[in-house]
Amino acid sequence: MTAQVIVTTDGAAGRIRLNRPKALHALTTDMCAAILDVLEMWREDGEVGAVVLDHAEGRGFCAGGDIRMLADSGAGDGAAARAFFATEYRMNHRLFTYAKPTVAFMDGVTMGGGVGLALPCRFRVATENTKFAMPETAIGLFPDVGGGWYLSRLPGRMGQFLALTGHRLNGAECLALGLATHYLPADQIEEAKRRIAADPQGIDAALDEVAASPPDAAVMAHRDTMDRLFASDDLDEVFTALADDGGEWAAAQLATLRTRSPQSMKLSLKLLLDGATMATFEDEMRQEYAIATRIVQRHDFAEGVRAVIVDKDNAPRWNPATPEAVSDHLIDQIVAPLPDGEAWTPF
């Protein structure tokens, strides 16, 4: 067990607390492995009726994964990155299929790997502090940890909009889209946890009793425009629709997309197109693992990390540089299944 994950029991609830505050609780391989081990230990434990996931001190639930490690590994043989993705995706899958009730408190930054921790849970609690996003196209990655499954099942073209732009949602917007099941004031979280520990079979009622009415979900005001402008699964057509619209909202989205990796954006649209018809979550994670192990060793990921995290000049030089230059053949190569001996498995 690692000190970066705090494991306790509180009444009849098992509690998993992320404890890497200086990194906004971004996940490491050891953290994912520790969570897997605990979930397995509690699976047959009759004293544990539910599992609660939250974070220790700091303003983030979980900001994602250990991007610097992934970039360093991708610049070499990629072995450590493959080990991370394999373990993280097993954790995601275990939560998705876990028999006991699971509750994630998304109080603060919930991005990337944090989304992968929260969304498989049966109960997902947002607050006024929630900042939810899948911003991977900004660093040459893609919305993984089940993003192809979850985002493709959002209403209309909301998933495609979120995947391409990395738009940040607040707690009220998460509730409106079904990404959260409940909205609580942050000062009611400890009371909610107390009630869950006392009655792990009555979680829904316990959360309802301390819930609050959220403010309006601002993102929904653009729903019709979003569905129209992001209607295509062809990135070139999305760019054209945004450029031809002439409206202020469309211009803002186009400006954002022009800063993102064209390779990552085309890959994201393909991921959601495939994810909408995936038969099982296991199938989704198998495809995402194949993509992740390849893209982490490609130019755009190294360049995105350099521009956003290392040098912080926010001026990535993508290659290919334009959507037109990203061929369908390239995307097919990245998405192709791995050989049987290298493919991801849930155990």
Protein backbone atom coordinates (compact mmCIF):
# COMPACT_ATOMS: atom_id res chain seq x y z
CA MET A 1 0.00 0.00 0.00
CA THR A 2 1.20 3.50 -0.80
CA ALA A 3 0.89 6.59 1.41
CA GLN A 4 -0.64 8.33 -1.62
CA VAL A 5 -3.87 6.43 -0.93
CA ILE A 6 -5.45 6.49 2.54
CA VAL A 7 -7.64 3.46 3.24
CA THR A 8 -9.98 3.36 6.23
CA THR A 9 -13.35 1.99 7.24
CA ASP A 10 -16.02 4.23 8.72
CA GLY A 11 -18.95 2.27 10.08
CA ALA A 12 -20.12 0.06 7.25
CA ALA A 13 -18.38 2.11 4.56
CA GLY A 14 -14.93 1.54 3.15
CA ARG A 15 -13.20 4.80 2.35
CA ILE A 16 -10.51 5.40 -0.27
CA ARG A 17 -8.91 8.83 -0.06
CA LEU A 18 -6.48 10.12 -2.67
CA ASN A 19 -3.51 11.72 -0.93
CA ARG A 20 -1.21 13.49 -3.36
CA PRO A 21 -2.26 17.09 -2.73
CA LYS A 22 0.68 18.89 -4.37
CA ALA A 23 -0.25 17.20 -7.64
CA LEU A 24 -4.01 17.67 -7.11
CA HIS A 25 -4.11 13.92 -6.38
CA ALA A 26 -3.07 12.95 -9.90
CA LEU A 27 -2.85 9.17 -10.17
CA THR A 28 0.33 7.12 -10.20
CA THR A 29 0.64 3.45 -11.07
CA ASP A 30 1.05 2.62 -7.37
CA MET A 31 -2.13 4.51 -6.50
CA CYS A 32 -4.15 2.63 -9.10
CA ALA A 33 -2.71 -0.69 -7.93
CA ALA A 34 -3.52 0.15 -4.31
CA ILE A 35 -7.13 0.99 -5.17
CA LEU A 36 -7.45 -2.28 -7.09
CA ASP A 37 -6.11 -4.23 -4.13
CA VAL A 38 -8.51 -2.56 -1.71
CA LEU A 39 -11.51 -3.11 -3.94
CA GLU A 40 -10.60 -6.78 -4.16
CA MET A 41 -10.14 -7.03 -0.39
CA TRP A 42 -13.54 -5.44 0.28
CA ARG A 43 -15.36 -7.39 -2.41
CA GLU A 44 -16.05 -10.35 -0.08
CA ASP A 45 -15.86 -8.42 3.20
CA GLY A 46 -19.29 -8.56 4.82
CA GLU A 47 -18.44 -5.65 7.10
CA VAL A 48 -18.08 -3.25 4.15
CA GLY A 49 -21.41 -2.36 2.59
CA ALA A 50 -20.33 0.50 0.32
CA VAL A 51 -17.17 2.19 -0.94
CA VAL A 52 -16.58 5.95 -0.79
CA LEU A 53 -13.93 7.65 -2.95
CA ASP A 54 -12.78 11.14 -2.07
CA HIS A 55 -9.59 13.11 -1.53
CA ALA A 56 -7.58 14.30 1.42
CA GLU A 57 -6.50 17.94 1.71
CA GLY A 58 -6.34 20.25 -1.28
CA ARG A 59 -8.67 21.61 -3.92
CA GLY A 60 -8.77 18.66 -6.28
CA PHE A 61 -10.60 15.38 -6.25
CA CYS A 62 -8.20 14.15 -8.93
CA ALA A 63 -6.55 16.17 -11.70
CA GLY A 64 -5.69 13.21 -13.91
CA GLY A 65 -2.69 10.93 -14.29
CA ASP A 66 1.04 11.31 -13.84
CA ILE A 67 1.61 13.10 -17.15
CA ARG A 68 5.31 13.78 -16.62
CA MET A 69 5.99 10.09 -16.04
CA LEU A 70 4.00 9.16 -19.12
CA ALA A 71 5.92 11.65 -21.25
CA ASP A 72 9.29 10.47 -19.96
CA SER A 73 8.31 6.85 -20.59
CA GLY A 74 6.90 7.64 -24.02
CA ALA A 75 10.20 9.25 -24.99
CA GLY A 76 11.87 5.90 -24.24
CA ASP A 77 10.54 2.38 -24.57
CA GLY A 78 7.06 3.20 -23.24
CA ALA A 79 7.08 0.30 -20.75
CA ALA A 80 6.21 2.36 -17.68
CA ALA A 81 3.41 4.11 -19.58
CA ARG A 82 1.97 0.76 -20.69
CA ALA A 83 2.09 -0.49 -17.11
CA PHE A 84 0.28 2.62 -15.90
CA PHE A 85 -2.49 2.42 -18.49
CA ALA A 86 -2.98 -1.31 -17.95
CA THR A 87 -3.35 -0.82 -14.19
CA GLU A 88 -5.45 2.34 -14.39
CA TYR A 89 -7.87 0.80 -16.87
CA ARG A 90 -8.23 -2.31 -14.69
CA MET A 91 -9.14 -0.01 -11.82
CA ASN A 92 -11.67 1.80 -14.02
CA HIS A 93 -13.18 -1.51 -15.12
CA ARG A 94 -13.27 -2.89 -11.57
CA LEU A 95 -15.22 0.15 -10.40
CA PHE A 96 -17.57 -0.12 -13.37
CA THR A 97 -18.39 -3.75 -12.56
CA TYR A 98 -18.20 -3.55 -8.75
CA ALA A 99 -21.19 -5.20 -7.05
CA LYS A 100 -21.25 -3.04 -3.93
CA PRO A 101 -22.46 0.58 -4.07
CA THR A 102 -19.70 3.06 -4.85
CA VAL A 103 -19.81 6.81 -4.19
CA ALA A 104 -17.43 9.41 -5.64
CA PHE A 105 -17.31 12.90 -4.19
CA MET A 106 -16.21 15.16 -7.06
CA ASP A 107 -15.54 18.13 -4.80
CA GLY A 108 -12.94 20.12 -6.74
CA VAL A 109 -10.90 19.44 -9.86
CA THR A 110 -12.12 16.27 -11.57
CA MET A 111 -10.26 15.83 -14.84
CA GLY A 112 -8.85 13.02 -16.95
CA GLY A 113 -8.01 10.17 -14.60
CA GLY A 114 -10.30 11.70 -11.99
CA VAL A 115 -13.19 11.35 -14.42
CA GLY A 116 -12.19 7.70 -14.85
CA LEU A 117 -12.43 7.22 -11.09
CA ALA A 118 -15.74 9.01 -10.63
CA LEU A 119 -17.92 8.05 -13.57
CA PRO A 120 -17.93 4.27 -13.01
CA CYS A 121 -19.35 4.86 -9.52
CA ARG A 122 -23.05 4.31 -8.93
CA PHE A 123 -23.35 7.63 -7.07
CA ARG A 124 -21.43 10.69 -8.28
CA VAL A 125 -21.67 13.79 -6.12
CA ALA A 126 -20.93 17.25 -7.50
CA THR A 127 -20.63 20.47 -5.50
CA GLU A 128 -20.14 24.18 -6.16
CA ASN A 129 -16.40 23.41 -6.27
CA THR A 130 -16.58 20.83 -9.05
CA LYS A 131 -14.46 21.53 -12.12
CA PHE A 132 -15.00 18.65 -14.53
CA ALA A 133 -13.22 18.27 -17.87
CA MET A 134 -11.53 15.93 -20.31
CA PRO A 135 -8.85 18.36 -21.60
CA GLU A 136 -6.58 15.81 -23.27
CA THR A 137 -6.60 17.25 -26.80
CA ALA A 138 -4.61 20.20 -25.42
CA ILE A 139 -1.63 17.92 -24.71
CA GLY A 140 -1.86 15.52 -27.63
CA LEU A 141 -3.74 12.77 -25.82
CA PHE A 142 -7.39 11.73 -26.06
CA PRO A 143 -10.30 11.41 -23.57
CA ASP A 144 -9.49 7.94 -22.24
CA VAL A 145 -10.38 6.12 -18.97
CA GLY A 146 -13.71 5.25 -20.59
CA GLY A 147 -14.26 8.61 -22.26
CA GLY A 148 -15.34 6.96 -25.48
CA TRP A 149 -18.09 5.16 -23.55
CA TYR A 150 -19.31 8.00 -21.31
CA LEU A 151 -19.06 10.96 -23.67
CA SER A 152 -20.69 9.13 -26.57
CA ARG A 153 -23.75 8.54 -24.35
CA LEU A 154 -24.35 12.19 -23.46
CA PRO A 155 -27.32 13.94 -25.09
CA GLY A 156 -26.98 15.24 -28.62
CA ARG A 157 -23.43 16.23 -29.54
CA MET A 158 -22.44 17.30 -26.05
CA GLY A 159 -19.83 14.54 -25.82
CA GLN A 160 -18.16 15.53 -29.07
CA PHE A 161 -18.08 19.17 -27.95
CA LEU A 162 -16.51 18.27 -24.61
CA ALA A 163 -14.00 15.86 -26.15
CA LEU A 164 -12.76 18.31 -28.78
CA THR A 165 -12.69 21.51 -26.75
CA GLY A 166 -11.91 20.19 -23.26
CA HIS A 167 -14.61 22.57 -21.98
CA ARG A 168 -14.77 22.72 -18.19
CA LEU A 169 -18.13 21.95 -16.56
CA ASN A 170 -19.25 23.06 -13.12
CA GLY A 171 -21.21 20.94 -10.67
CA ALA A 172 -24.63 22.12 -11.80
CA GLU A 173 -23.77 21.31 -15.41
CA CYS A 174 -22.53 17.85 -14.41
CA LEU A 175 -25.88 17.18 -12.74
CA ALA A 176 -27.86 18.44 -15.74
CA LEU A 177 -25.94 16.11 -18.06
CA GLY A 178 -26.19 13.07 -15.80
CA LEU A 179 -22.45 13.02 -15.16
CA ALA A 180 -23.32 13.59 -11.50
CA THR A 181 -26.22 11.90 -9.75
CA HIS A 182 -26.46 14.44 -6.90
CA TYR A 183 -25.54 18.06 -6.18
CA LEU A 184 -24.61 18.98 -2.60
CA PRO A 185 -23.25 22.09 -0.96
CA ALA A 186 -19.64 21.31 -0.08
CA ASP A 187 -20.36 21.93 3.60
CA GLN A 188 -22.77 18.99 3.57
CA ILE A 189 -20.26 16.42 2.33
CA GLU A 190 -19.17 15.21 5.75
CA GLU A 191 -22.78 14.82 6.82
CA ALA A 192 -23.44 12.80 3.67
CA LYS A 193 -20.49 10.53 4.45
CA ARG A 194 -21.72 10.07 8.01
CA ARG A 195 -25.12 8.95 6.74
CA ILE A 196 -23.58 6.59 4.22
CA ALA A 197 -21.42 4.98 6.90
CA ALA A 198 -24.51 4.47 9.05
CA ASP A 199 -26.67 3.01 6.27
CA PRO A 200 -24.80 1.93 3.13
CA GLN A 201 -28.00 0.55 1.63
CA GLY A 202 -29.76 3.91 1.86
CA ILE A 203 -27.26 6.04 -0.05
CA ASP A 204 -29.71 7.50 -2.53
CA ALA A 205 -32.04 8.71 0.21
CA ALA A 206 -29.13 9.96 2.33
CA LEU A 207 -27.79 12.08 -0.52
CA ASP A 208 -31.24 13.36 -1.41
CA GLU A 209 -31.76 14.54 2.16
CA VAL A 210 -28.70 16.81 2.10
CA ALA A 211 -28.88 17.80 -1.57
CA ALA A 212 -29.47 21.35 -2.74
CA SER A 213 -31.07 22.87 -5.82
CA PRO A 214 -28.25 23.66 -8.26
CA PRO A 215 -27.96 26.91 -10.20
CA ASP A 216 -28.83 26.92 -13.88
CA ALA A 217 -26.61 24.79 -16.11
CA ALA A 218 -25.15 27.44 -18.41
CA VAL A 219 -23.81 24.97 -20.98
CA MET A 220 -27.37 23.93 -21.86
CA ALA A 221 -28.09 27.39 -23.27
CA HIS A 222 -25.95 26.46 -26.28
CA ARG A 223 -27.33 22.95 -26.72
CA ASP A 224 -29.11 23.52 -30.06
CA THR A 225 -26.17 25.44 -31.52
CA MET A 226 -23.76 22.80 -30.28
CA ASP A 227 -25.78 19.97 -31.83
CA ARG A 228 -25.78 21.79 -35.16
CA LEU A 229 -22.15 22.89 -35.31
CA PHE A 230 -20.64 19.69 -33.88
CA ALA A 231 -22.98 17.41 -35.82
CA SER A 232 -20.33 15.79 -37.99
CA ASP A 233 -17.91 13.02 -37.07
CA ASP A 234 -15.54 14.55 -39.65
CA LEU A 235 -13.30 17.14 -37.98
CA ASP A 236 -12.85 19.11 -41.21
CA GLU A 237 -16.62 19.54 -41.41
CA VAL A 238 -16.80 20.71 -37.79
CA PHE A 239 -14.17 23.37 -38.53
CA THR A 240 -16.10 24.47 -41.60
CA ALA A 241 -19.40 24.67 -39.73
CA LEU A 242 -17.85 26.78 -36.97
CA ALA A 243 -16.09 29.08 -39.45
CA ASP A 244 -19.25 29.59 -41.52
CA ASP A 245 -21.56 30.26 -38.58
CA GLY A 246 -20.51 33.85 -37.91
CA GLY A 247 -21.69 33.82 -34.31
CA GLU A 248 -19.68 34.77 -31.24
CA TRP A 249 -20.04 31.36 -29.58
CA ALA A 250 -18.92 29.53 -32.72
CA ALA A 251 -15.93 31.83 -33.11
CA ALA A 252 -14.84 31.13 -29.54
CA GLN A 253 -15.03 27.35 -30.06
CA LEU A 254 -13.13 27.60 -33.33
CA ALA A 255 -10.37 29.61 -31.63
CA THR A 256 -10.10 26.88 -28.98
CA LEU A 257 -9.95 24.06 -31.53
CA ARG A 258 -7.17 25.81 -33.42
CA THR A 259 -4.96 25.39 -30.34
CA ARG A 260 -5.66 21.65 -29.97
CA SER A 261 -3.82 18.72 -31.52
CA PRO A 262 -5.48 17.89 -34.87
CA GLN A 263 -4.42 14.26 -34.45
CA SER A 264 -6.00 14.10 -30.99
CA MET A 265 -9.23 15.74 -32.15
CA LYS A 266 -9.69 13.36 -35.08
CA LEU A 267 -8.88 10.45 -32.81
CA SER A 268 -11.44 11.69 -30.26
CA LEU A 269 -14.22 11.79 -32.82
CA LYS A 270 -13.35 8.26 -33.92
CA LEU A 271 -13.29 7.12 -30.28
CA LEU A 272 -16.80 8.45 -29.61
CA LEU A 273 -18.12 7.08 -32.88
CA ASP A 274 -16.89 3.60 -31.97
CA GLY A 275 -17.74 3.96 -28.28
CA ALA A 276 -21.43 4.57 -28.98
CA THR A 277 -21.77 0.98 -30.24
CA MET A 278 -19.32 -0.84 -27.97
CA ALA A 279 -20.98 -3.95 -26.57
CA THR A 280 -19.25 -3.81 -23.20
CA PHE A 281 -17.10 -1.49 -21.13
CA GLU A 282 -14.36 -4.11 -21.35
CA ASP A 283 -14.36 -3.73 -25.13
CA GLU A 284 -14.07 0.05 -24.69
CA MET A 285 -11.08 -0.22 -22.39
CA ARG A 286 -9.36 -2.70 -24.69
CA GLN A 287 -9.57 -0.24 -27.58
CA GLU A 288 -8.50 2.71 -25.44
CA TYR A 289 -5.46 0.79 -24.20
CA ALA A 290 -4.35 0.11 -27.77
CA ILE A 291 -4.71 3.81 -28.57
CA ALA A 292 -3.00 4.97 -25.38
CA THR A 293 0.07 2.78 -25.77
CA ARG A 294 0.62 4.14 -29.26
CA ILE A 295 -0.24 7.80 -28.86
CA VAL A 296 1.98 8.23 -25.78
CA GLN A 297 5.00 7.59 -28.00
CA ARG A 298 3.94 9.93 -30.78
CA HIS A 299 5.18 13.48 -31.39
CA ASP A 300 2.07 15.37 -30.33
CA PHE A 301 2.02 14.00 -26.79
CA ALA A 302 5.66 14.89 -26.16
CA GLU A 303 5.10 18.32 -27.70
CA GLY A 304 1.88 18.95 -25.78
CA VAL A 305 3.55 18.13 -22.47
CA ARG A 306 6.48 20.37 -23.37
CA ALA A 307 4.24 23.31 -24.26
CA VAL A 308 1.70 23.04 -21.45
CA ILE A 309 3.55 21.44 -18.54
CA VAL A 310 7.33 21.78 -19.01
CA ASP A 311 8.08 25.06 -20.80
CA LYS A 312 4.55 26.42 -20.29
CA ASP A 313 4.74 28.56 -23.40
CA ASN A 314 1.35 27.22 -24.52
CA ALA A 315 2.59 27.22 -28.10
CA PRO A 316 2.65 23.58 -29.20
CA ARG A 317 3.89 22.75 -32.67
CA TRP A 318 1.62 19.93 -33.71
CA ASN A 319 2.58 17.41 -36.38
CA PRO A 320 0.47 16.95 -38.45
CA ALA A 321 -0.25 20.64 -38.10
CA THR A 322 -3.76 20.81 -39.59
CA PRO A 323 -6.87 18.63 -39.59
CA GLU A 324 -6.51 18.12 -43.33
CA ALA A 325 -3.06 16.63 -42.84
CA VAL A 326 -4.28 13.92 -40.43
CA SER A 327 -5.15 11.01 -42.69
CA ASP A 328 -7.82 8.41 -41.99
CA HIS A 329 -5.09 5.82 -42.47
CA LEU A 330 -3.11 7.28 -39.58
CA ILE A 331 -6.14 7.21 -37.28
CA ASP A 332 -6.88 3.61 -38.31
CA GLN A 333 -3.31 2.64 -37.44
CA ILE A 334 -3.56 4.18 -33.97
CA VAL A 335 -6.95 2.62 -33.25
CA ALA A 336 -6.17 -0.88 -34.58
CA PRO A 337 -6.38 -3.76 -32.06
CA LEU A 338 -3.16 -4.96 -30.48
CA PRO A 339 -1.97 -8.53 -30.99
CA ASP A 340 -3.46 -10.99 -28.50
CA GLY A 341 -0.34 -11.18 -26.39
CA GLU A 342 -0.19 -7.39 -25.97
CA ALA A 343 -3.89 -6.53 -25.67
CA TRP A 344 -5.41 -5.22 -22.45
CA THR A 345 -7.32 -7.59 -20.19
CA PRO A 346 -9.40 -6.72 -17.11
CA PHE A 347 -7.40 -9.03 -14.79
